[in-house]
Every structure is written in C-alpha cells, then in structure tokens.
Amino acid sequence: MKKILLLIAIAASCVLAKSAPKTHDGFFLNGTIGLGYGSYLNEFKTEGVKIESQGVKGESSFKIGAAIIPNFILHATLNASSIVEDIKTTNKEGESASIPLKNEAYKVLIFGAGITYYIPHESNIYFSATAGIAEFSEFCFLGKVISEHDANFSFNLSIGKEWWVNNELGIGVALSYNHSSAKTKIYDYKGEASFNSFAVVASFTFN
C-alpha cells in the first residue's frame, strides 16, 4: 500500500503544470465534508457480547493524485468518519447498558488508493472508489479505549455532481458509502467489528 501511495504522489508531482481549462486532466485535489448515518457493531460471539453504536455521523475526506488519461484519475485517499451517539453494550443474557461519549466519538480512519471517473462532455458527474485499510477507535468516558482493533480491509464508493466555479475549481455534492471491518480484542476475548455508513457530502475539486 505504501508503494502505491508513493507512486501516486510521484505521478501527481509530475503533472503540476496547468491543465486545459474546465477539463479533468493533470493534477487532482479533492476534499469533502458532510453528514449521514453510521452503524457500528463489535461482536464477541463466543462470549455473547456486543458493542454497538448507530446514528448521526460526520464524514470528511481528502484525495490527491493525477489523471492517467482525461477524466480517469488515480489518487491516494484519506477518509475520516465519526459517530457521535453513545456506545451500547449487550451481554449474552440480553442485558444492555449505554456508555456516554460526552464530547468524544467513535472514529474510523480509512487510508487507501482509488480511482475517480468523470463522465465526459461537461456533465461533471463522477464515480469514485477507494480501497484500503481502516483504523478504528472506540472512545468512552475520559477517553478510555474500549477494545483493540487490527487494521483491516475497507472501501468507499461515491457518486457526485460538480459545477465549475472557474477554469480549474469545481464544487458540488455527492452521496458516499463506507464499509470497514476489523478483528478486535478485549483482554483475551476475540471479536469482529464492522462499520457501514451513508453520507451526503459537499465537495470541492481542483483539477
């Protein structure tokens, strides 16, 4: 993964020269921010214990790369999601309790590489996909981490529409979907976690 990200950075640095106006070629820089709904589940099946959180989530992302051919872009991606709802725990007897997050949040960071494709002929509608690894963080009162997570596979899919502000800058809106999974551990207990979310994000692109 590090080699792929390095190649993308090198490619981007080689095409910093100004591209043709209102086209998707050359250097590519994109950022998004928005809100949506997220669902997290960390399940220890042998012990019958579940740790979960769902509700409103925030999402932001950053992409940097370059067009291999016009409208087809290869990029490195950093995507961050957080759920601000309380974490709920359930034991094998079905008893549950909520852990207040106060001013903290459950967080997922995705580091990966991906592609973005713009439909030609000035429509500025695009599809984007990223695959990589996810780093999870469960936080509760006073910042104590509840369980350990091993970084594991994740992906992001999005579709959006942008409008040109000038010859190089576009702004728009997109629908984003995230999925991440990880092996987890609390003391000697082993579990599996998954995170799924949808979000509507505002986007800006320099290209």
C-alpha atoms as a PDB file:
ATOM      1  CA  MET A   1       0.000   0.000   0.000  1.00  0.00           C
ATOM      2  CA  LYS A   2       2.813   2.439   0.832  1.00  0.00           C
ATOM      3  CA  LYS A   3       4.383   1.819  -2.594  1.00  0.00           C
ATOM      4  CA  ILE A   4       1.070   2.556  -4.319  1.00  0.00           C
ATOM      5  CA  LEU A   5       0.648   5.818  -2.396  1.00  0.00           C
ATOM      6  CA  LEU A   6       4.226   6.805  -3.241  1.00  0.00           C
ATOM      7  CA  LEU A   7       3.647   6.180  -6.953  1.00  0.00           C
ATOM      8  CA  ILE A   8       0.506   8.316  -6.843  1.00  0.00           C
ATOM      9  CA  ALA A   9       2.392  11.159  -5.148  1.00  0.00           C
ATOM     10  CA  ILE A  10       5.166  10.985  -7.749  1.00  0.00           C
ATOM     11  CA  ALA A  11       2.633  10.971 -10.571  1.00  0.00           C
ATOM     12  CA  ALA A  12       0.883  13.991  -9.102  1.00  0.00           C
ATOM     13  CA  SER A  13       4.128  15.933  -8.778  1.00  0.00           C
ATOM     14  CA  CYS A  14       4.909  15.256 -12.448  1.00  0.00           C
ATOM     15  CA  VAL A  15       1.720  16.879 -13.706  1.00  0.00           C
ATOM     16  CA  LEU A  16       1.579  20.078 -11.696  1.00  0.00           C
ATOM     17  CA  ALA A  17       1.716  22.080 -14.906  1.00  0.00           C
ATOM     18  CA  LYS A  18      -1.547  23.890 -15.625  1.00  0.00           C
ATOM     19  CA  SER A  19      -4.086  21.699 -17.411  1.00  0.00           C
ATOM     20  CA  ALA A  20      -6.598  22.759 -20.043  1.00  0.00           C
ATOM     21  CA  PRO A  21      -9.487  24.867 -18.647  1.00  0.00           C
ATOM     22  CA  LYS A  22     -12.563  23.061 -17.343  1.00  0.00           C
ATOM     23  CA  THR A  23     -11.162  19.614 -18.007  1.00  0.00           C
ATOM     24  CA  HIS A  24     -10.264  16.716 -15.749  1.00  0.00           C
ATOM     25  CA  ASP A  25      -6.616  16.185 -16.596  1.00  0.00           C
ATOM     26  CA  GLY A  26      -3.319  16.791 -14.835  1.00  0.00           C
ATOM     27  CA  PHE A  27      -3.052  17.332 -11.078  1.00  0.00           C
ATOM     28  CA  PHE A  28      -6.106  16.371  -8.964  1.00  0.00           C
ATOM     29  CA  LEU A  29      -7.048  17.588  -5.473  1.00  0.00           C
ATOM     30  CA  ASN A  30     -10.410  16.856  -3.853  1.00  0.00           C
ATOM     31  CA  GLY A  31     -11.961  17.370  -0.442  1.00  0.00           C
ATOM     32  CA  THR A  32     -15.387  16.553   1.011  1.00  0.00           C
ATOM     33  CA  ILE A  33     -17.292  17.148   4.233  1.00  0.00           C
ATOM     34  CA  GLY A  34     -20.804  16.212   5.271  1.00  0.00           C
ATOM     35  CA  LEU A  35     -23.248  14.326   7.490  1.00  0.00           C
ATOM     36  CA  GLY A  36     -25.019  10.990   7.301  1.00  0.00           C
ATOM     37  CA  TYR A  37     -25.922   7.832   9.177  1.00  0.00           C
ATOM     38  CA  GLY A  38     -23.449   5.270  10.533  1.00  0.00           C
ATOM     39  CA  SER A  39     -23.769   1.837  12.125  1.00  0.00           C
ATOM     40  CA  TYR A  40     -21.009   0.088  14.080  1.00  0.00           C
ATOM     41  CA  LEU A  41     -21.046  -3.427  15.556  1.00  0.00           C
ATOM     42  CA  ASN A  42     -18.266  -5.167  17.503  1.00  0.00           C
ATOM     43  CA  GLU A  43     -19.360  -8.738  18.281  1.00  0.00           C
ATOM     44  CA  PHE A  44     -17.699 -11.309  20.552  1.00  0.00           C
ATOM     45  CA  LYS A  45     -19.731 -14.371  19.539  1.00  0.00           C
ATOM     46  CA  THR A  46     -18.125 -16.872  21.920  1.00  0.00           C
ATOM     47  CA  GLU A  47     -18.898 -14.666  24.918  1.00  0.00           C
ATOM     48  CA  GLY A  48     -22.246 -13.442  23.552  1.00  0.00           C
ATOM     49  CA  VAL A  49     -21.217  -9.797  23.942  1.00  0.00           C
ATOM     50  CA  LYS A  50     -21.971  -6.962  21.523  1.00  0.00           C
ATOM     51  CA  ILE A  51     -20.677  -3.400  21.442  1.00  0.00           C
ATOM     52  CA  GLU A  52     -22.544  -1.158  19.011  1.00  0.00           C
ATOM     53  CA  SER A  53     -23.310   2.408  18.072  1.00  0.00           C
ATOM     54  CA  GLN A  54     -25.525   3.896  15.397  1.00  0.00           C
ATOM     55  CA  GLY A  55     -26.871   7.281  14.479  1.00  0.00           C
ATOM     56  CA  VAL A  56     -25.728  10.598  13.087  1.00  0.00           C
ATOM     57  CA  LYS A  57     -22.189  10.593  11.757  1.00  0.00           C
ATOM     58  CA  GLY A  58     -19.788  13.123  10.307  1.00  0.00           C
ATOM     59  CA  GLU A  59     -17.568  12.387   7.331  1.00  0.00           C
ATOM     60  CA  SER A  60     -14.679  14.125   5.611  1.00  0.00           C
ATOM     61  CA  SER A  61     -12.159  13.027   3.001  1.00  0.00           C
ATOM     62  CA  PHE A  62      -9.077  14.194   1.153  1.00  0.00           C
ATOM     63  CA  LYS A  63      -7.810  12.905  -2.193  1.00  0.00           C
ATOM     64  CA  ILE A  64      -4.652  13.781  -4.107  1.00  0.00           C
ATOM     65  CA  GLY A  65      -3.466  12.334  -7.394  1.00  0.00           C
ATOM     66  CA  ALA A  66      -3.379  12.810 -11.142  1.00  0.00           C
ATOM     67  CA  ALA A  67      -5.300  11.957 -14.299  1.00  0.00           C
ATOM     68  CA  ILE A  68      -3.823   8.980 -16.155  1.00  0.00           C
ATOM     69  CA  ILE A  69      -5.961   9.905 -19.141  1.00  0.00           C
ATOM     70  CA  PRO A  70      -8.555  12.705 -19.351  1.00  0.00           C
ATOM     71  CA  ASN A  71     -11.424  12.079 -16.898  1.00  0.00           C
ATOM     72  CA  PHE A  72      -9.778   8.979 -15.341  1.00  0.00           C
ATOM     73  CA  ILE A  73      -7.904   9.795 -12.126  1.00  0.00           C
ATOM     74  CA  LEU A  74      -5.729   7.735  -9.794  1.00  0.00           C
ATOM     75  CA  HIS A  75      -5.394   9.096  -6.258  1.00  0.00           C
ATOM     76  CA  ALA A  76      -4.441   8.486  -2.647  1.00  0.00           C
ATOM     77  CA  THR A  77      -7.338   8.865  -0.210  1.00  0.00           C
ATOM     78  CA  LEU A  78      -7.791   9.671   3.476  1.00  0.00           C
ATOM     79  CA  ASN A  79     -11.364   9.287   4.734  1.00  0.00           C
ATOM     80  CA  ALA A  80     -12.498  10.013   8.302  1.00  0.00           C
ATOM     81  CA  SER A  81     -15.859   9.131   9.878  1.00  0.00           C
ATOM     82  CA  SER A  82     -17.170   9.589  13.401  1.00  0.00           C
ATOM     83  CA  ILE A  83     -20.397   8.644  15.189  1.00  0.00           C
ATOM     84  CA  VAL A  84     -21.471  10.968  17.974  1.00  0.00           C
ATOM     85  CA  GLU A  85     -24.082   8.641  19.503  1.00  0.00           C
ATOM     86  CA  ASP A  86     -23.482   6.710  22.753  1.00  0.00           C
ATOM     87  CA  ILE A  87     -21.986   3.222  22.618  1.00  0.00           C
ATOM     88  CA  LYS A  88     -24.338   0.409  23.710  1.00  0.00           C
ATOM     89  CA  THR A  89     -23.154  -2.897  25.197  1.00  0.00           C
ATOM     90  CA  THR A  90     -25.203  -6.109  25.385  1.00  0.00           C
ATOM     91  CA  ASN A  91     -24.257  -9.348  27.196  1.00  0.00           C
ATOM     92  CA  LYS A  92     -25.337 -12.934  26.481  1.00  0.00           C
ATOM     93  CA  GLU A  93     -28.310 -12.595  28.862  1.00  0.00           C
ATOM     94  CA  GLY A  94     -29.604  -9.726  26.742  1.00  0.00           C
ATOM     95  CA  GLU A  95     -28.880  -7.089  29.371  1.00  0.00           C
ATOM     96  CA  SER A  96     -27.726  -3.789  27.901  1.00  0.00           C
ATOM     97  CA  ALA A  97     -26.100  -0.572  29.042  1.00  0.00           C
ATOM     98  CA  SER A  98     -25.071   2.677  27.378  1.00  0.00           C
ATOM     99  CA  ILE A  99     -21.635   4.256  27.678  1.00  0.00           C
ATOM    100  CA  PRO A 100     -21.762   8.060  27.315  1.00  0.00           C
ATOM    101  CA  LEU A 101     -19.295   9.525  24.828  1.00  0.00           C
ATOM    102  CA  LYS A 102     -19.539  13.071  26.219  1.00  0.00           C
ATOM    103  CA  ASN A 103     -17.532  15.228  23.795  1.00  0.00           C
ATOM    104  CA  GLU A 104     -15.759  12.289  22.160  1.00  0.00           C
ATOM    105  CA  ALA A 105     -16.765   9.969  19.356  1.00  0.00           C
ATOM    106  CA  TYR A 106     -16.356   6.569  17.799  1.00  0.00           C
ATOM    107  CA  LYS A 107     -13.999   7.069  14.833  1.00  0.00           C
ATOM    108  CA  VAL A 108     -12.862   5.276  11.680  1.00  0.00           C
ATOM    109  CA  LEU A 109      -9.928   6.387   9.511  1.00  0.00           C
ATOM    110  CA  ILE A 110      -9.501   4.880   6.036  1.00  0.00           C
ATOM    111  CA  PHE A 111      -6.133   5.065   4.266  1.00  0.00           C
ATOM    112  CA  GLY A 112      -6.185   3.859   0.677  1.00  0.00           C
ATOM    113  CA  ALA A 113      -5.811   4.325  -3.039  1.00  0.00           C
ATOM    114  CA  GLY A 114      -8.585   4.719  -5.565  1.00  0.00           C
ATOM    115  CA  ILE A 115      -9.930   5.936  -8.864  1.00  0.00           C
ATOM    116  CA  THR A 116     -12.332   8.690  -9.879  1.00  0.00           C
ATOM    117  CA  TYR A 117     -14.004   8.814 -13.281  1.00  0.00           C
ATOM    118  CA  TYR A 118     -15.828  11.849 -14.691  1.00  0.00           C
ATOM    119  CA  ILE A 119     -18.422  11.281 -17.399  1.00  0.00           C
ATOM    120  CA  PRO A 120     -17.234  13.305 -20.434  1.00  0.00           C
ATOM    121  CA  HIS A 121     -18.964  16.156 -22.270  1.00  0.00           C
ATOM    122  CA  GLU A 122     -19.281  18.732 -19.492  1.00  0.00           C
ATOM    123  CA  SER A 123     -21.727  16.772 -17.333  1.00  0.00           C
ATOM    124  CA  ASN A 124     -19.257  16.773 -14.406  1.00  0.00           C
ATOM    125  CA  ILE A 125     -20.941  13.708 -12.913  1.00  0.00           C
ATOM    126  CA  TYR A 126     -18.374  11.384 -11.370  1.00  0.00           C
ATOM    127  CA  PHE A 127     -17.958   7.964  -9.786  1.00  0.00           C
ATOM    128  CA  SER A 128     -15.240   7.298  -7.224  1.00  0.00           C
ATOM    129  CA  ALA A 129     -13.971   4.153  -5.491  1.00  0.00           C
ATOM    130  CA  THR A 130     -11.266   3.672  -2.862  1.00  0.00           C
ATOM    131  CA  ALA A 131      -9.915   0.509  -1.249  1.00  0.00           C
ATOM    132  CA  GLY A 132      -7.533   0.452   1.688  1.00  0.00           C
ATOM    133  CA  ILE A 133      -7.161  -0.260   5.381  1.00  0.00           C
ATOM    134  CA  ALA A 134      -9.184   1.109   8.282  1.00  0.00           C
ATOM    135  CA  GLU A 135      -8.095   2.171  11.743  1.00  0.00           C
ATOM    136  CA  PHE A 136     -10.837   2.024  14.372  1.00  0.00           C
ATOM    137  CA  SER A 137     -11.120   3.883  17.677  1.00  0.00           C
ATOM    138  CA  GLU A 138     -13.806   3.295  20.304  1.00  0.00           C
ATOM    139  CA  PHE A 139     -13.858   6.049  22.900  1.00  0.00           C
ATOM    140  CA  CYS A 140     -15.857   6.316  26.073  1.00  0.00           C
ATOM    141  CA  PHE A 141     -15.795   8.443  29.209  1.00  0.00           C
ATOM    142  CA  LEU A 142     -12.433  10.167  29.837  1.00  0.00           C
ATOM    143  CA  GLY A 143     -11.034   8.852  26.570  1.00  0.00           C
ATOM    144  CA  LYS A 144     -10.549   5.223  27.580  1.00  0.00           C
ATOM    145  CA  VAL A 145     -10.285   2.877  24.585  1.00  0.00           C
ATOM    146  CA  ILE A 146     -12.784   0.018  24.955  1.00  0.00           C
ATOM    147  CA  SER A 147     -11.210  -2.587  22.653  1.00  0.00           C
ATOM    148  CA  GLU A 148      -8.233  -3.059  20.368  1.00  0.00           C
ATOM    149  CA  HIS A 149      -8.685  -3.243  16.586  1.00  0.00           C
ATOM    150  CA  ASP A 150      -6.405  -4.696  13.930  1.00  0.00           C
ATOM    151  CA  ALA A 151      -6.344  -2.555  10.789  1.00  0.00           C
ATOM    152  CA  ASN A 152      -8.265  -4.388   8.089  1.00  0.00           C
ATOM    153  CA  PHE A 153      -9.935  -4.063   4.695  1.00  0.00           C
ATOM    154  CA  SER A 154     -12.193  -1.119   3.893  1.00  0.00           C
ATOM    155  CA  PHE A 155     -13.693   0.601   0.897  1.00  0.00           C
ATOM    156  CA  ASN A 156     -15.552   3.768  -0.064  1.00  0.00           C
ATOM    157  CA  LEU A 157     -17.891   4.309  -3.011  1.00  0.00           C
ATOM    158  CA  SER A 158     -19.336   7.652  -4.048  1.00  0.00           C
ATOM    159  CA  ILE A 159     -21.244   9.315  -6.864  1.00  0.00           C
ATOM    160  CA  GLY A 160     -21.475  13.056  -7.267  1.00  0.00           C
ATOM    161  CA  LYS A 161     -22.112  16.090  -9.406  1.00  0.00           C
ATOM    162  CA  GLU A 162     -19.950  19.221  -9.600  1.00  0.00           C
ATOM    163  CA  TRP A 163     -20.218  22.640 -11.208  1.00  0.00           C
ATOM    164  CA  TRP A 164     -17.270  24.694 -12.424  1.00  0.00           C
ATOM    165  CA  VAL A 165     -16.525  27.835 -10.392  1.00  0.00           C
ATOM    166  CA  ASN A 166     -13.645  28.815 -12.661  1.00  0.00           C
ATOM    167  CA  ASN A 167     -11.367  27.072 -15.157  1.00  0.00           C
ATOM    168  CA  GLU A 168      -9.794  24.788 -12.528  1.00  0.00           C
ATOM    169  CA  LEU A 169     -12.111  24.688  -9.486  1.00  0.00           C
ATOM    170  CA  GLY A 170     -15.381  22.799  -9.168  1.00  0.00           C
ATOM    171  CA  ILE A 171     -17.811  22.491  -6.242  1.00  0.00           C
ATOM    172  CA  GLY A 172     -20.654  20.043  -5.839  1.00  0.00           C
ATOM    173  CA  VAL A 173     -22.434  17.390  -3.819  1.00  0.00           C
ATOM    174  CA  ALA A 174     -22.028  13.606  -3.541  1.00  0.00           C
ATOM    175  CA  LEU A 175     -23.522  10.505  -1.936  1.00  0.00           C
ATOM    176  CA  SER A 176     -20.882   8.439  -0.127  1.00  0.00           C
ATOM    177  CA  TYR A 177     -20.925   4.861   1.224  1.00  0.00           C
ATOM    178  CA  ASN A 178     -18.273   3.399   3.564  1.00  0.00           C
ATOM    179  CA  HIS A 179     -17.635  -0.153   4.729  1.00  0.00           C
ATOM    180  CA  SER A 180     -14.854  -1.274   7.057  1.00  0.00           C
ATOM    181  CA  SER A 181     -14.107  -4.409   9.066  1.00  0.00           C
ATOM    182  CA  ALA A 182     -11.554  -5.440  11.677  1.00  0.00           C
ATOM    183  CA  LYS A 183     -10.542  -8.167  14.097  1.00  0.00           C
ATOM    184  CA  THR A 184     -10.905  -6.972  17.690  1.00  0.00           C
ATOM    185  CA  LYS A 185      -9.685  -7.907  21.142  1.00  0.00           C
ATOM    186  CA  ILE A 186     -10.622  -7.181  24.748  1.00  0.00           C
ATOM    187  CA  TYR A 187      -8.161  -8.853  27.107  1.00  0.00           C
ATOM    188  CA  ASP A 188      -8.121 -12.466  25.753  1.00  0.00           C
ATOM    189  CA  TYR A 189     -11.528 -12.234  24.086  1.00  0.00           C
ATOM    190  CA  LYS A 190     -11.527 -12.001  20.284  1.00  0.00           C
ATOM    191  CA  GLY A 191     -14.250 -10.470  18.147  1.00  0.00           C
ATOM    192  CA  GLU A 192     -15.102  -8.996  14.772  1.00  0.00           C
ATOM    193  CA  ALA A 193     -16.164  -5.434  14.066  1.00  0.00           C
ATOM    194  CA  SER A 194     -17.889  -3.862  11.074  1.00  0.00           C
ATOM    195  CA  PHE A 195     -18.773  -0.291  10.171  1.00  0.00           C
ATOM    196  CA  ASN A 196     -21.230   0.835   7.476  1.00  0.00           C
ATOM    197  CA  SER A 197     -22.359   4.344   6.683  1.00  0.00           C
ATOM    198  CA  PHE A 198     -24.026   6.628   4.165  1.00  0.00           C
ATOM    199  CA  ALA A 199     -23.432  10.369   3.943  1.00  0.00           C
ATOM    200  CA  VAL A 200     -24.296  13.372   1.811  1.00  0.00           C
ATOM    201  CA  VAL A 201     -21.167  15.485   1.404  1.00  0.00           C
ATOM    202  CA  ALA A 202     -20.230  18.798  -0.144  1.00  0.00           C
ATOM    203  CA  SER A 203     -17.165  18.532  -2.378  1.00  0.00           C
ATOM    204  CA  PHE A 204     -14.554  20.769  -3.950  1.00  0.00           C
ATOM    205  CA  THR A 205     -12.127  19.738  -6.672  1.00  0.00           C
ATOM    206  CA  PHE A 206      -9.062  21.453  -8.085  1.00  0.00           C
ATOM    207  CA  ASN A 207      -8.206  19.858 -11.401  1.00  0.00           C
END
